[in-house]
């Protein structure tokens, strides 16, 4: 029988397949709304991958909306030529949660592309930093990403850099406390269990420009 981590990996693989379809079929395009793109992605997930349930709201954010973290609900915008946008979906597959986010740049704006690549590089650098430690607190990993953003000329765009993932619903399994987020207030070892429950992490990186004009986002399972 698969272990829980293998189930979570399988669910992330399914989410990755969805994003591969999004990229290959060029459904990300100008002159449609964020809401329309979200609905099109939902239909693809349902029809081709049999994904029908999500554990969090489905997010497509473009332009100025890319600076807002998850908890915000900005007005829907139309995707424009040469825009930057990010997509964050949390599908459920065989009752396990995934959380997957990627940034896309329409056109060849160098500053936007640089931000996209900086966020991706930051995610992998943080993963390497996490794996290099025998123990590491949520505060340490959060501070690593904040410093990475600052050194590269950006701001970190949220007050967390990740959270738990589990069987649906992880909110019922784990308490909603700082110790279960990658944040400045979490002084516990991310690699330890809490309340005798193992913790599996989503690492999320959100950078925004210092003038708060636009942002970029990247997240997936931290292994």
N, C-alpha and C. Protein backbone atom coordinates (compact mmCIF):
# COMPACT_ATOMS: atom_id res chain seq x y z
N UNK A 1 0.85 -1.19 0.00
CA UNK A 1 0.00 0.00 0.00
C UNK A 1 0.89 1.25 0.00
N UNK A 2 0.47 2.27 -0.73
CA UNK A 2 1.24 3.51 -0.78
C UNK A 2 1.25 4.20 0.57
N UNK A 3 2.37 4.81 0.88
CA UNK A 3 2.42 5.64 2.07
C UNK A 3 1.75 6.97 1.77
N UNK A 4 1.53 7.76 2.80
CA UNK A 4 0.88 9.06 2.62
C UNK A 4 1.69 9.97 1.70
N UNK A 5 3.01 9.96 1.87
CA UNK A 5 3.83 10.84 1.04
C UNK A 5 3.75 10.42 -0.43
N UNK A 6 3.65 9.12 -0.68
CA UNK A 6 3.50 8.67 -2.06
C UNK A 6 2.17 9.11 -2.65
N UNK A 7 1.12 9.10 -1.83
CA UNK A 7 -0.19 9.58 -2.27
C UNK A 7 -0.13 11.07 -2.60
N UNK A 8 0.57 11.83 -1.77
CA UNK A 8 0.70 13.27 -2.03
C UNK A 8 1.51 13.52 -3.30
N UNK A 9 2.53 12.71 -3.51
CA UNK A 9 3.31 12.82 -4.75
C UNK A 9 2.44 12.53 -5.97
N UNK A 10 1.61 11.50 -5.87
CA UNK A 10 0.71 11.15 -6.98
C UNK A 10 -0.25 12.29 -7.28
N UNK A 11 -0.75 12.93 -6.24
CA UNK A 11 -1.69 14.03 -6.42
C UNK A 11 -0.99 15.22 -7.06
N UNK A 12 0.23 15.49 -6.64
CA UNK A 12 0.98 16.58 -7.28
C UNK A 12 1.27 16.26 -8.74
N UNK A 13 1.57 15.00 -9.04
CA UNK A 13 1.81 14.60 -10.43
C UNK A 13 0.59 14.90 -11.28
N UNK A 14 -0.60 14.64 -10.73
CA UNK A 14 -1.84 14.92 -11.46
C UNK A 14 -2.00 16.43 -11.67
N UNK A 15 -1.69 17.23 -10.66
CA UNK A 15 -1.76 18.68 -10.81
C UNK A 15 -0.77 19.17 -11.86
N UNK A 16 0.42 18.56 -11.87
CA UNK A 16 1.43 18.93 -12.86
C UNK A 16 0.95 18.60 -14.28
N UNK A 17 0.26 17.48 -14.43
CA UNK A 17 -0.31 17.13 -15.73
C UNK A 17 -1.28 18.20 -16.21
N UNK A 18 -2.10 18.69 -15.30
CA UNK A 18 -3.05 19.75 -15.64
C UNK A 18 -2.32 20.99 -16.15
N UNK A 19 -1.27 21.39 -15.45
CA UNK A 19 -0.54 22.58 -15.86
C UNK A 19 0.22 22.35 -17.16
N UNK A 20 0.65 21.12 -17.41
CA UNK A 20 1.28 20.81 -18.69
C UNK A 20 0.29 21.02 -19.84
N UNK A 21 -0.95 20.60 -19.64
CA UNK A 21 -1.98 20.79 -20.67
C UNK A 21 -2.21 22.29 -20.89
N UNK A 22 -2.29 23.04 -19.81
CA UNK A 22 -2.50 24.48 -19.90
C UNK A 22 -1.42 25.12 -20.77
N UNK A 23 -0.17 24.71 -20.55
CA UNK A 23 0.95 25.30 -21.27
C UNK A 23 0.98 24.84 -22.74
N UNK A 24 0.81 23.55 -22.97
CA UNK A 24 0.95 23.01 -24.32
C UNK A 24 -0.16 23.49 -25.25
N UNK A 25 -1.34 23.71 -24.72
CA UNK A 25 -2.47 24.07 -25.57
C UNK A 25 -2.72 25.57 -25.64
N UNK A 26 -1.81 26.33 -25.03
CA UNK A 26 -1.84 27.80 -25.16
C UNK A 26 -3.20 28.42 -24.82
N UNK A 27 -3.81 27.92 -23.76
CA UNK A 27 -5.09 28.53 -23.38
C UNK A 27 -4.89 29.84 -22.61
N UNK A 28 -3.64 30.08 -22.17
CA UNK A 28 -3.34 31.37 -21.53
C UNK A 28 -3.12 32.39 -22.64
N UNK A 29 -4.02 33.35 -22.73
CA UNK A 29 -4.02 34.27 -23.86
C UNK A 29 -4.64 35.60 -23.45
N UNK A 30 -4.34 36.65 -24.20
CA UNK A 30 -4.92 37.96 -23.88
C UNK A 30 -6.39 38.06 -24.27
N UNK A 31 -7.02 39.10 -23.74
CA UNK A 31 -8.40 39.48 -24.08
C UNK A 31 -9.46 38.54 -23.53
N UNK A 32 -9.11 37.76 -22.50
CA UNK A 32 -10.12 37.03 -21.74
C UNK A 32 -9.93 37.41 -20.28
N UNK A 33 -10.96 37.18 -19.48
CA UNK A 33 -10.88 37.53 -18.06
C UNK A 33 -10.19 36.45 -17.26
N UNK A 34 -9.71 36.82 -16.10
CA UNK A 34 -9.16 35.84 -15.17
C UNK A 34 -10.19 34.75 -14.88
N UNK A 35 -11.44 35.16 -14.69
CA UNK A 35 -12.51 34.21 -14.37
C UNK A 35 -12.74 33.22 -15.51
N UNK A 36 -12.72 33.72 -16.75
CA UNK A 36 -12.92 32.82 -17.89
C UNK A 36 -11.80 31.79 -17.97
N UNK A 37 -10.56 32.23 -17.79
CA UNK A 37 -9.44 31.30 -17.84
C UNK A 37 -9.56 30.26 -16.73
N UNK A 38 -9.96 30.69 -15.54
CA UNK A 38 -10.14 29.75 -14.43
C UNK A 38 -11.20 28.70 -14.77
N UNK A 39 -12.29 29.12 -15.38
CA UNK A 39 -13.35 28.18 -15.75
C UNK A 39 -12.88 27.20 -16.82
N UNK A 40 -12.09 27.69 -17.77
CA UNK A 40 -11.57 26.81 -18.82
C UNK A 40 -10.63 25.76 -18.24
N UNK A 41 -9.80 26.16 -17.28
CA UNK A 41 -8.89 25.22 -16.62
C UNK A 41 -9.70 24.18 -15.84
N UNK A 42 -10.73 24.65 -15.16
CA UNK A 42 -11.60 23.73 -14.40
C UNK A 42 -12.21 22.68 -15.30
N UNK A 43 -12.69 23.09 -16.48
CA UNK A 43 -13.31 22.15 -17.40
C UNK A 43 -12.30 21.14 -17.95
N UNK A 44 -11.09 21.60 -18.25
CA UNK A 44 -10.04 20.69 -18.70
C UNK A 44 -9.72 19.66 -17.62
N UNK A 45 -9.60 20.12 -16.38
CA UNK A 45 -9.29 19.22 -15.27
C UNK A 45 -10.38 18.16 -15.09
N UNK A 46 -11.63 18.58 -15.23
CA UNK A 46 -12.75 17.65 -15.04
C UNK A 46 -12.84 16.65 -16.19
N UNK A 47 -12.74 17.13 -17.41
CA UNK A 47 -12.97 16.28 -18.57
C UNK A 47 -11.79 15.35 -18.88
N UNK A 48 -10.57 15.82 -18.66
CA UNK A 48 -9.42 15.03 -19.08
C UNK A 48 -8.72 14.29 -17.94
N UNK A 49 -8.81 14.85 -16.75
CA UNK A 49 -8.08 14.25 -15.63
C UNK A 49 -8.99 13.79 -14.50
N UNK A 50 -10.29 13.94 -14.69
CA UNK A 50 -11.28 13.52 -13.70
C UNK A 50 -11.07 14.20 -12.34
N UNK A 51 -10.59 15.44 -12.39
CA UNK A 51 -10.45 16.24 -11.17
C UNK A 51 -11.71 17.10 -11.04
N UNK A 52 -12.46 16.88 -9.98
CA UNK A 52 -13.73 17.58 -9.79
C UNK A 52 -13.79 18.40 -8.51
N UNK A 53 -12.90 18.09 -7.56
CA UNK A 53 -12.94 18.75 -6.26
C UNK A 53 -11.65 19.51 -6.01
N UNK A 54 -11.79 20.62 -5.27
CA UNK A 54 -10.66 21.48 -4.91
C UNK A 54 -10.80 21.85 -3.44
N UNK A 55 -9.67 21.92 -2.76
CA UNK A 55 -9.74 22.22 -1.34
C UNK A 55 -9.60 23.71 -1.07
N UNK A 56 -9.18 24.51 -2.08
CA UNK A 56 -9.18 25.97 -1.89
C UNK A 56 -9.62 26.65 -3.17
N UNK A 57 -9.90 27.93 -3.07
CA UNK A 57 -10.41 28.68 -4.23
C UNK A 57 -9.41 28.62 -5.37
N UNK A 58 -9.95 28.62 -6.59
CA UNK A 58 -9.13 28.53 -7.80
C UNK A 58 -8.73 29.95 -8.21
N UNK A 59 -7.41 30.17 -8.32
CA UNK A 59 -6.91 31.54 -8.51
C UNK A 59 -6.22 31.70 -9.85
N UNK A 60 -6.65 32.71 -10.60
CA UNK A 60 -5.92 33.24 -11.74
C UNK A 60 -5.79 34.73 -11.50
N UNK A 61 -4.57 35.24 -11.46
CA UNK A 61 -4.35 36.67 -11.21
C UNK A 61 -3.41 37.23 -12.25
N UNK A 62 -3.78 38.38 -12.79
CA UNK A 62 -2.98 39.02 -13.82
C UNK A 62 -2.74 40.49 -13.49
N UNK A 63 -1.73 41.09 -14.12
CA UNK A 63 -1.48 42.52 -13.92
C UNK A 63 -1.27 42.88 -12.47
N UNK A 64 -1.90 43.95 -12.03
CA UNK A 64 -1.75 44.44 -10.65
C UNK A 64 -2.25 43.41 -9.64
N UNK A 65 -3.18 42.55 -10.05
CA UNK A 65 -3.69 41.53 -9.12
C UNK A 65 -2.62 40.53 -8.69
N UNK A 66 -1.52 40.43 -9.45
CA UNK A 66 -0.48 39.47 -9.10
C UNK A 66 0.28 39.85 -7.83
N UNK A 67 0.09 41.06 -7.33
CA UNK A 67 0.77 41.45 -6.09
C UNK A 67 0.02 40.96 -4.86
N UNK A 68 -1.25 40.56 -5.02
CA UNK A 68 -2.08 40.22 -3.87
C UNK A 68 -1.89 38.78 -3.44
N UNK A 69 -1.72 38.52 -2.14
CA UNK A 69 -1.59 37.14 -1.66
C UNK A 69 -2.93 36.42 -1.69
N UNK A 70 -2.88 35.16 -1.35
CA UNK A 70 -4.04 34.27 -1.43
C UNK A 70 -5.29 34.84 -0.76
N UNK A 71 -5.14 35.39 0.43
CA UNK A 71 -6.31 35.80 1.21
C UNK A 71 -7.09 36.96 0.59
N UNK A 72 -6.46 37.71 -0.29
CA UNK A 72 -7.15 38.84 -0.92
C UNK A 72 -8.07 38.34 -2.03
N UNK A 73 -9.09 39.17 -2.34
CA UNK A 73 -10.03 38.85 -3.41
C UNK A 73 -10.23 40.07 -4.30
N UNK A 74 -9.22 40.40 -5.11
CA UNK A 74 -9.32 41.60 -5.95
C UNK A 74 -10.34 41.43 -7.07
N UNK A 75 -10.78 42.55 -7.63
CA UNK A 75 -11.71 42.51 -8.75
C UNK A 75 -11.10 41.79 -9.94
N UNK A 76 -11.93 41.10 -10.71
CA UNK A 76 -11.47 40.36 -11.88
C UNK A 76 -10.95 41.30 -12.96
N UNK A 77 -9.80 40.95 -13.53
CA UNK A 77 -9.19 41.74 -14.60
C UNK A 77 -9.20 40.96 -15.91
N UNK A 78 -9.01 41.70 -17.01
CA UNK A 78 -8.83 41.11 -18.33
C UNK A 78 -7.33 40.93 -18.57
N UNK A 79 -6.95 39.76 -19.06
CA UNK A 79 -5.54 39.50 -19.39
C UNK A 79 -5.17 40.30 -20.63
N UNK A 80 -4.03 40.99 -20.58
CA UNK A 80 -3.60 41.86 -21.67
C UNK A 80 -2.38 41.29 -22.39
N UNK A 81 -2.09 41.85 -23.55
CA UNK A 81 -0.83 41.53 -24.23
C UNK A 81 0.34 41.90 -23.31
N UNK A 82 1.38 41.12 -23.35
CA UNK A 82 2.59 41.38 -22.55
C UNK A 82 2.32 41.39 -21.05
N UNK A 83 1.29 40.66 -20.62
CA UNK A 83 0.93 40.63 -19.21
C UNK A 83 1.75 39.55 -18.48
N UNK A 84 1.74 39.66 -17.15
CA UNK A 84 2.25 38.59 -16.29
C UNK A 84 1.06 38.08 -15.50
N UNK A 85 0.99 36.78 -15.30
CA UNK A 85 -0.11 36.22 -14.51
C UNK A 85 0.35 34.98 -13.78
N UNK A 86 -0.33 34.68 -12.68
CA UNK A 86 -0.04 33.41 -12.00
C UNK A 86 -1.32 32.68 -11.69
N UNK A 87 -1.17 31.35 -11.64
CA UNK A 87 -2.29 30.44 -11.45
C UNK A 87 -2.00 29.57 -10.24
N UNK A 88 -3.00 29.40 -9.38
CA UNK A 88 -2.85 28.62 -8.14
C UNK A 88 -4.10 27.76 -7.98
N UNK A 89 -3.94 26.46 -8.16
CA UNK A 89 -5.05 25.52 -8.02
C UNK A 89 -4.73 24.49 -6.94
N UNK A 90 -5.76 24.06 -6.22
CA UNK A 90 -5.59 23.05 -5.17
C UNK A 90 -6.49 21.86 -5.38
N UNK A 91 -6.21 21.04 -6.40
CA UNK A 91 -7.09 19.90 -6.70
C UNK A 91 -6.99 18.79 -5.67
N UNK A 92 -8.05 18.01 -5.58
CA UNK A 92 -8.09 16.82 -4.73
C UNK A 92 -8.18 15.61 -5.65
N UNK A 93 -7.31 14.64 -5.41
CA UNK A 93 -7.29 13.42 -6.21
C UNK A 93 -7.21 12.23 -5.27
N UNK A 94 -8.22 11.34 -5.35
CA UNK A 94 -8.30 10.20 -4.44
C UNK A 94 -8.19 10.64 -2.99
N UNK A 95 -8.88 11.74 -2.69
CA UNK A 95 -9.01 12.30 -1.34
C UNK A 95 -7.72 12.85 -0.76
N UNK A 96 -6.72 13.11 -1.61
CA UNK A 96 -5.50 13.78 -1.16
C UNK A 96 -5.38 15.13 -1.86
N UNK A 97 -4.81 16.09 -1.14
CA UNK A 97 -4.72 17.46 -1.63
C UNK A 97 -3.41 17.70 -2.39
N UNK A 98 -3.50 18.52 -3.41
CA UNK A 98 -2.32 19.09 -4.05
C UNK A 98 -2.44 20.61 -3.94
N UNK A 99 -1.33 21.28 -4.13
CA UNK A 99 -1.33 22.74 -4.21
C UNK A 99 -0.21 23.12 -5.16
N UNK A 100 -0.58 23.74 -6.28
CA UNK A 100 0.35 23.91 -7.37
C UNK A 100 0.18 25.31 -7.95
N UNK A 101 1.28 26.05 -8.08
CA UNK A 101 1.21 27.40 -8.62
C UNK A 101 2.35 27.70 -9.56
N UNK A 102 2.04 28.40 -10.64
CA UNK A 102 3.04 28.77 -11.63
C UNK A 102 2.75 30.17 -12.17
N UNK A 103 3.81 30.82 -12.65
CA UNK A 103 3.71 32.15 -13.27
C UNK A 103 3.95 32.02 -14.78
N UNK A 104 3.23 32.86 -15.53
CA UNK A 104 3.37 32.89 -16.99
C UNK A 104 3.52 34.34 -17.44
N UNK A 105 4.36 34.53 -18.43
CA UNK A 105 4.57 35.86 -19.00
C UNK A 105 4.18 35.82 -20.47
N UNK A 106 3.25 36.69 -20.85
CA UNK A 106 2.87 36.83 -22.26
C UNK A 106 3.77 37.88 -22.88
N UNK A 107 4.47 37.52 -23.91
CA UNK A 107 5.40 38.47 -24.51
C UNK A 107 6.80 38.28 -23.98
N UNK A 108 7.63 39.28 -24.19
CA UNK A 108 9.06 39.17 -23.89
C UNK A 108 9.58 40.29 -22.98
N UNK A 109 8.72 40.77 -22.10
CA UNK A 109 9.15 41.81 -21.16
C UNK A 109 10.24 41.25 -20.24
N UNK A 110 11.44 41.81 -20.35
CA UNK A 110 12.60 41.27 -19.64
C UNK A 110 12.41 41.34 -18.12
N UNK A 111 11.87 42.44 -17.63
CA UNK A 111 11.69 42.58 -16.18
C UNK A 111 10.72 41.55 -15.63
N UNK A 112 9.65 41.29 -16.37
CA UNK A 112 8.68 40.29 -15.92
C UNK A 112 9.26 38.88 -15.99
N UNK A 113 10.00 38.61 -17.05
CA UNK A 113 10.64 37.29 -17.16
C UNK A 113 11.67 37.09 -16.05
N UNK A 114 12.43 38.15 -15.75
CA UNK A 114 13.42 38.05 -14.67
C UNK A 114 12.76 37.74 -13.34
N UNK A 115 11.61 38.36 -13.09
CA UNK A 115 10.89 38.10 -11.84
C UNK A 115 10.39 36.66 -11.80
N UNK A 116 9.84 36.20 -12.89
CA UNK A 116 9.38 34.80 -12.97
C UNK A 116 10.52 33.84 -12.64
N UNK A 117 11.69 34.05 -13.25
CA UNK A 117 12.81 33.14 -13.03
C UNK A 117 13.37 33.29 -11.62
N UNK A 118 13.34 34.50 -11.07
CA UNK A 118 13.83 34.71 -9.71
C UNK A 118 13.01 33.92 -8.70
N UNK A 119 11.70 33.89 -8.89
CA UNK A 119 10.82 33.15 -7.99
C UNK A 119 11.07 31.64 -8.10
N UNK A 120 11.22 31.15 -9.31
CA UNK A 120 11.52 29.73 -9.49
C UNK A 120 12.87 29.37 -8.86
N UNK A 121 13.87 30.22 -9.11
CA UNK A 121 15.19 29.97 -8.52
C UNK A 121 15.13 29.99 -7.00
N UNK A 122 14.33 30.90 -6.46
CA UNK A 122 14.20 31.01 -5.01
C UNK A 122 13.58 29.74 -4.42
N UNK A 123 12.58 29.20 -5.12
CA UNK A 123 11.94 27.96 -4.62
C UNK A 123 12.98 26.84 -4.51
N UNK A 124 13.75 26.64 -5.56
CA UNK A 124 14.72 25.54 -5.55
C UNK A 124 15.88 25.80 -4.60
N UNK A 125 16.25 27.07 -4.44
CA UNK A 125 17.29 27.40 -3.47
C UNK A 125 16.80 27.13 -2.04
N UNK A 126 15.53 27.46 -1.78
CA UNK A 126 14.95 27.21 -0.46
C UNK A 126 14.83 25.71 -0.20
N UNK A 127 14.48 24.95 -1.23
CA UNK A 127 14.41 23.50 -1.09
C UNK A 127 15.79 22.94 -0.72
N UNK A 128 16.82 23.39 -1.43
CA UNK A 128 18.17 22.93 -1.16
C UNK A 128 18.59 23.30 0.27
N UNK A 129 18.25 24.51 0.69
CA UNK A 129 18.56 24.97 2.04
C UNK A 129 17.84 24.10 3.07
N UNK A 130 16.58 23.80 2.83
CA UNK A 130 15.78 22.94 3.71
C UNK A 130 16.40 21.55 3.82
N UNK A 131 16.79 20.97 2.69
CA UNK A 131 17.33 19.61 2.69
C UNK A 131 18.72 19.54 3.32
N UNK A 132 19.42 20.67 3.32
CA UNK A 132 20.78 20.68 3.87
C UNK A 132 20.81 20.70 5.39
N UNK A 133 19.66 20.93 6.00
CA UNK A 133 19.58 21.06 7.46
C UNK A 133 19.00 19.80 8.09
N UNK A 134 19.58 19.39 9.21
CA UNK A 134 18.98 18.27 9.94
C UNK A 134 17.70 18.70 10.64
N UNK A 135 17.64 19.98 10.97
CA UNK A 135 16.40 20.57 11.50
C UNK A 135 16.35 22.03 11.06
N UNK A 136 15.14 22.53 10.86
CA UNK A 136 14.98 23.90 10.39
C UNK A 136 13.59 24.40 10.79
N UNK A 137 13.54 25.58 11.37
CA UNK A 137 12.25 26.12 11.80
C UNK A 137 11.54 26.82 10.64
N UNK A 138 10.25 27.02 10.82
CA UNK A 138 9.49 27.79 9.83
C UNK A 138 10.03 29.20 9.69
N UNK A 139 10.46 29.78 10.81
CA UNK A 139 11.03 31.13 10.78
C UNK A 139 12.30 31.18 9.94
N UNK A 140 13.18 30.19 10.10
CA UNK A 140 14.43 30.16 9.34
C UNK A 140 14.16 30.10 7.84
N UNK A 141 13.25 29.23 7.42
CA UNK A 141 12.98 29.08 5.99
C UNK A 141 12.29 30.31 5.43
N UNK A 142 11.38 30.88 6.21
CA UNK A 142 10.71 32.11 5.78
C UNK A 142 11.72 33.24 5.63
N UNK A 143 12.61 33.39 6.60
CA UNK A 143 13.62 34.45 6.54
C UNK A 143 14.57 34.25 5.37
N UNK A 144 14.89 33.00 5.05
CA UNK A 144 15.74 32.71 3.89
C UNK A 144 15.10 33.27 2.63
N UNK A 145 13.81 33.06 2.46
CA UNK A 145 13.13 33.54 1.25
C UNK A 145 12.96 35.05 1.25
N UNK A 146 12.70 35.63 2.41
CA UNK A 146 12.63 37.09 2.48
C UNK A 146 13.95 37.72 2.06
N UNK A 147 15.05 37.17 2.54
CA UNK A 147 16.38 37.69 2.20
C UNK A 147 16.69 37.46 0.72
N UNK A 148 16.28 36.33 0.19
CA UNK A 148 16.49 36.04 -1.23
C UNK A 148 15.77 37.08 -2.08
N UNK A 149 14.55 37.40 -1.70
CA UNK A 149 13.79 38.41 -2.44
C UNK A 149 14.51 39.75 -2.39
N UNK A 150 14.91 40.15 -1.19
CA UNK A 150 15.55 41.46 -1.02
C UNK A 150 16.85 41.56 -1.81
N UNK A 151 17.67 40.50 -1.76
CA UNK A 151 18.95 40.51 -2.46
C UNK A 151 18.77 40.60 -3.98
N UNK A 152 17.62 40.15 -4.46
CA UNK A 152 17.36 40.18 -5.90
C UNK A 152 16.51 41.39 -6.32
N UNK A 153 16.29 42.30 -5.38
CA UNK A 153 15.59 43.55 -5.71
C UNK A 153 14.08 43.49 -5.62
N UNK A 154 13.55 42.51 -4.87
CA UNK A 154 12.10 42.35 -4.75
C UNK A 154 11.66 42.36 -3.29
N UNK A 155 10.36 42.33 -3.09
CA UNK A 155 9.75 42.16 -1.78
C UNK A 155 9.09 40.80 -1.73
N UNK A 156 9.06 40.20 -0.53
CA UNK A 156 8.28 38.97 -0.39
C UNK A 156 6.83 39.36 -0.24
N UNK A 157 5.93 38.68 -0.97
CA UNK A 157 4.56 39.17 -1.12
C UNK A 157 3.54 38.62 -0.16
N UNK A 158 3.95 37.87 0.85
CA UNK A 158 2.96 37.29 1.76
C UNK A 158 3.58 37.17 3.14
N UNK A 159 2.74 36.88 4.15
CA UNK A 159 3.27 36.68 5.50
C UNK A 159 3.49 35.21 5.81
N UNK A 160 3.28 34.34 4.82
CA UNK A 160 3.65 32.93 4.94
C UNK A 160 4.38 32.51 3.66
N UNK A 161 5.18 31.45 3.78
CA UNK A 161 5.86 30.90 2.61
C UNK A 161 5.50 29.42 2.44
N UNK A 162 4.38 29.04 3.00
CA UNK A 162 3.92 27.68 2.83
C UNK A 162 3.06 27.21 3.98
N UNK A 163 2.58 25.97 3.84
CA UNK A 163 1.59 25.43 4.77
C UNK A 163 1.56 23.92 4.65
N UNK A 164 0.79 23.29 5.52
CA UNK A 164 0.64 21.84 5.48
C UNK A 164 -0.22 21.39 4.31
N UNK A 165 -0.02 20.14 3.92
CA UNK A 165 -0.86 19.47 2.93
C UNK A 165 -1.09 18.06 3.47
N UNK A 166 -2.25 17.48 3.15
CA UNK A 166 -2.55 16.17 3.74
C UNK A 166 -3.73 15.55 3.00
N UNK A 167 -4.34 14.56 3.65
CA UNK A 167 -5.63 14.09 3.16
C UNK A 167 -6.63 15.23 3.28
N UNK A 168 -7.65 15.20 2.45
CA UNK A 168 -8.68 16.21 2.54
C UNK A 168 -9.60 15.89 3.72
N UNK A 169 -9.82 16.82 4.61
CA UNK A 169 -9.30 18.17 4.63
C UNK A 169 -8.22 18.29 5.71
N UNK A 170 -7.06 18.84 5.31
CA UNK A 170 -5.98 18.97 6.31
C UNK A 170 -6.38 19.91 7.43
N UNK A 171 -7.36 20.79 7.17
CA UNK A 171 -7.84 21.69 8.22
C UNK A 171 -8.49 20.91 9.37
N UNK A 172 -9.05 19.74 9.06
CA UNK A 172 -9.69 18.93 10.10
C UNK A 172 -8.67 18.06 10.83
N UNK A 173 -7.54 17.80 10.17
CA UNK A 173 -6.50 16.93 10.76
C UNK A 173 -5.54 17.75 11.62
N UNK A 174 -5.19 18.95 11.14
CA UNK A 174 -4.18 19.78 11.80
C UNK A 174 -4.79 21.10 12.27
N UNK A 175 -4.30 21.58 13.39
CA UNK A 175 -4.78 22.85 13.92
C UNK A 175 -4.29 24.01 13.05
N UNK A 176 -5.10 25.07 13.00
CA UNK A 176 -4.72 26.28 12.25
C UNK A 176 -3.92 27.19 13.19
N UNK A 177 -2.65 26.86 13.37
CA UNK A 177 -1.78 27.59 14.28
C UNK A 177 -0.48 27.92 13.55
N UNK A 178 0.29 28.92 14.00
CA UNK A 178 1.53 29.30 13.31
C UNK A 178 2.49 28.14 13.10
N UNK A 179 2.48 27.17 14.02
CA UNK A 179 3.39 26.04 13.92
C UNK A 179 3.12 25.18 12.68
N UNK A 180 1.97 25.36 12.07
CA UNK A 180 1.63 24.60 10.88
C UNK A 180 1.70 25.43 9.60
N UNK A 181 2.47 26.52 9.69
CA UNK A 181 2.74 27.36 8.52
C UNK A 181 4.24 27.65 8.46
N UNK A 182 4.75 27.90 7.27
CA UNK A 182 6.12 28.38 7.12
C UNK A 182 6.04 29.90 7.24
N UNK A 183 6.34 30.38 8.43
CA UNK A 183 6.14 31.80 8.71
C UNK A 183 7.09 32.25 9.81
N UNK A 184 7.15 33.54 10.02
CA UNK A 184 8.06 34.14 10.98
C UNK A 184 7.76 33.73 12.41
N UNK A 185 6.51 33.34 12.66
CA UNK A 185 6.11 33.01 14.03
C UNK A 185 6.32 31.53 14.37
N UNK A 186 6.71 30.74 13.38
CA UNK A 186 6.86 29.30 13.61
C UNK A 186 8.29 28.97 14.05
N UNK A 187 8.45 28.66 15.32
CA UNK A 187 9.76 28.35 15.88
C UNK A 187 9.98 26.84 16.04
N UNK A 188 9.07 26.04 15.49
CA UNK A 188 9.21 24.59 15.57
C UNK A 188 9.98 24.07 14.36
N UNK A 189 10.55 22.89 14.53
CA UNK A 189 11.26 22.22 13.45
C UNK A 189 10.25 21.71 12.42
N UNK A 190 10.39 22.15 11.17
CA UNK A 190 9.47 21.73 10.12
C UNK A 190 9.53 20.23 9.86
N UNK A 191 10.65 19.60 10.21
CA UNK A 191 10.84 18.18 9.93
C UNK A 191 10.34 17.28 11.07
N UNK A 192 9.81 17.90 12.11
CA UNK A 192 9.30 17.13 13.25
C UNK A 192 7.79 16.98 13.13
N UNK A 193 7.25 16.03 13.88
CA UNK A 193 5.79 15.91 13.96
C UNK A 193 5.28 16.86 15.04
N UNK A 194 3.99 17.10 15.02
CA UNK A 194 3.36 17.96 16.02
C UNK A 194 2.07 17.27 16.44
N UNK A 195 1.86 17.17 17.75
CA UNK A 195 0.70 16.43 18.27
C UNK A 195 0.68 15.00 17.72
N UNK A 196 1.88 14.42 17.57
CA UNK A 196 2.05 13.06 17.05
C UNK A 196 1.56 12.89 15.61
N UNK A 197 1.48 13.99 14.88
CA UNK A 197 1.06 13.94 13.48
C UNK A 197 2.22 14.36 12.59
N UNK A 198 2.57 13.55 11.60
CA UNK A 198 3.62 13.98 10.65
C UNK A 198 3.13 15.18 9.86
N UNK A 199 4.07 16.03 9.45
CA UNK A 199 3.69 17.23 8.70
C UNK A 199 4.37 17.21 7.33
N UNK A 200 3.56 17.41 6.29
CA UNK A 200 4.04 17.47 4.91
C UNK A 200 3.76 18.86 4.39
N UNK A 201 4.76 19.47 3.73
CA UNK A 201 4.73 20.90 3.47
C UNK A 201 4.58 21.25 2.00
N UNK A 202 3.80 22.29 1.75
CA UNK A 202 3.81 23.02 0.49
C UNK A 202 4.69 24.25 0.70
N UNK A 203 5.67 24.42 -0.18
CA UNK A 203 6.50 25.62 -0.15
C UNK A 203 6.01 26.57 -1.24
N UNK A 204 5.67 27.78 -0.86
CA UNK A 204 5.16 28.76 -1.82
C UNK A 204 5.99 30.04 -1.77
N UNK A 205 6.33 30.53 -2.94
CA UNK A 205 7.19 31.72 -3.06
C UNK A 205 6.43 32.77 -3.86
N UNK A 206 6.27 33.93 -3.26
CA UNK A 206 5.56 35.04 -3.90
C UNK A 206 6.42 36.30 -3.78
N UNK A 207 6.99 36.74 -4.88
CA UNK A 207 7.76 37.98 -4.92
C UNK A 207 6.95 39.05 -5.64
N UNK A 208 7.11 40.28 -5.20
CA UNK A 208 6.51 41.41 -5.90
C UNK A 208 7.58 42.48 -6.11
N UNK A 209 7.38 43.30 -7.13
CA UNK A 209 8.32 44.38 -7.39
C UNK A 209 8.23 45.43 -6.27
N UNK A 210 9.32 46.16 -6.05
CA UNK A 210 9.34 47.13 -4.96
C UNK A 210 8.33 48.25 -5.14
N UNK A 211 7.98 48.55 -6.39
CA UNK A 211 6.94 49.55 -6.62
C UNK A 211 5.54 48.95 -6.60
N UNK A 212 5.46 47.66 -6.27
CA UNK A 212 4.19 46.92 -6.15
C UNK A 212 3.36 47.02 -7.42
N UNK A 213 4.04 46.87 -8.56
CA UNK A 213 3.37 46.94 -9.86
C UNK A 213 2.88 45.57 -10.31
N UNK A 214 3.66 44.53 -10.02
CA UNK A 214 3.25 43.17 -10.37
C UNK A 214 4.07 42.18 -9.55
N UNK A 215 3.64 40.91 -9.59
CA UNK A 215 4.31 39.88 -8.80
C UNK A 215 4.38 38.56 -9.53
N UNK A 216 5.03 37.59 -8.89
CA UNK A 216 5.20 36.26 -9.46
C UNK A 216 5.08 35.23 -8.35
N UNK A 217 4.66 34.01 -8.71
CA UNK A 217 4.31 33.01 -7.70
C UNK A 217 4.72 31.63 -8.19
N UNK A 218 5.20 30.79 -7.26
CA UNK A 218 5.60 29.42 -7.60
C UNK A 218 5.41 28.58 -6.34
N UNK A 219 4.68 27.47 -6.46
CA UNK A 219 4.52 26.59 -5.29
C UNK A 219 4.31 25.15 -5.72
N UNK A 220 4.75 24.27 -4.81
CA UNK A 220 4.52 22.84 -4.98
C UNK A 220 5.00 22.14 -3.70
N UNK A 221 4.85 20.82 -3.70
CA UNK A 221 5.20 20.01 -2.55
C UNK A 221 6.69 20.09 -2.26
N UNK A 222 7.04 20.30 -1.01
CA UNK A 222 8.44 20.40 -0.59
C UNK A 222 8.92 19.02 -0.18
N UNK A 223 9.83 18.48 -0.98
CA UNK A 223 10.37 17.14 -0.71
C UNK A 223 11.88 17.18 -0.73
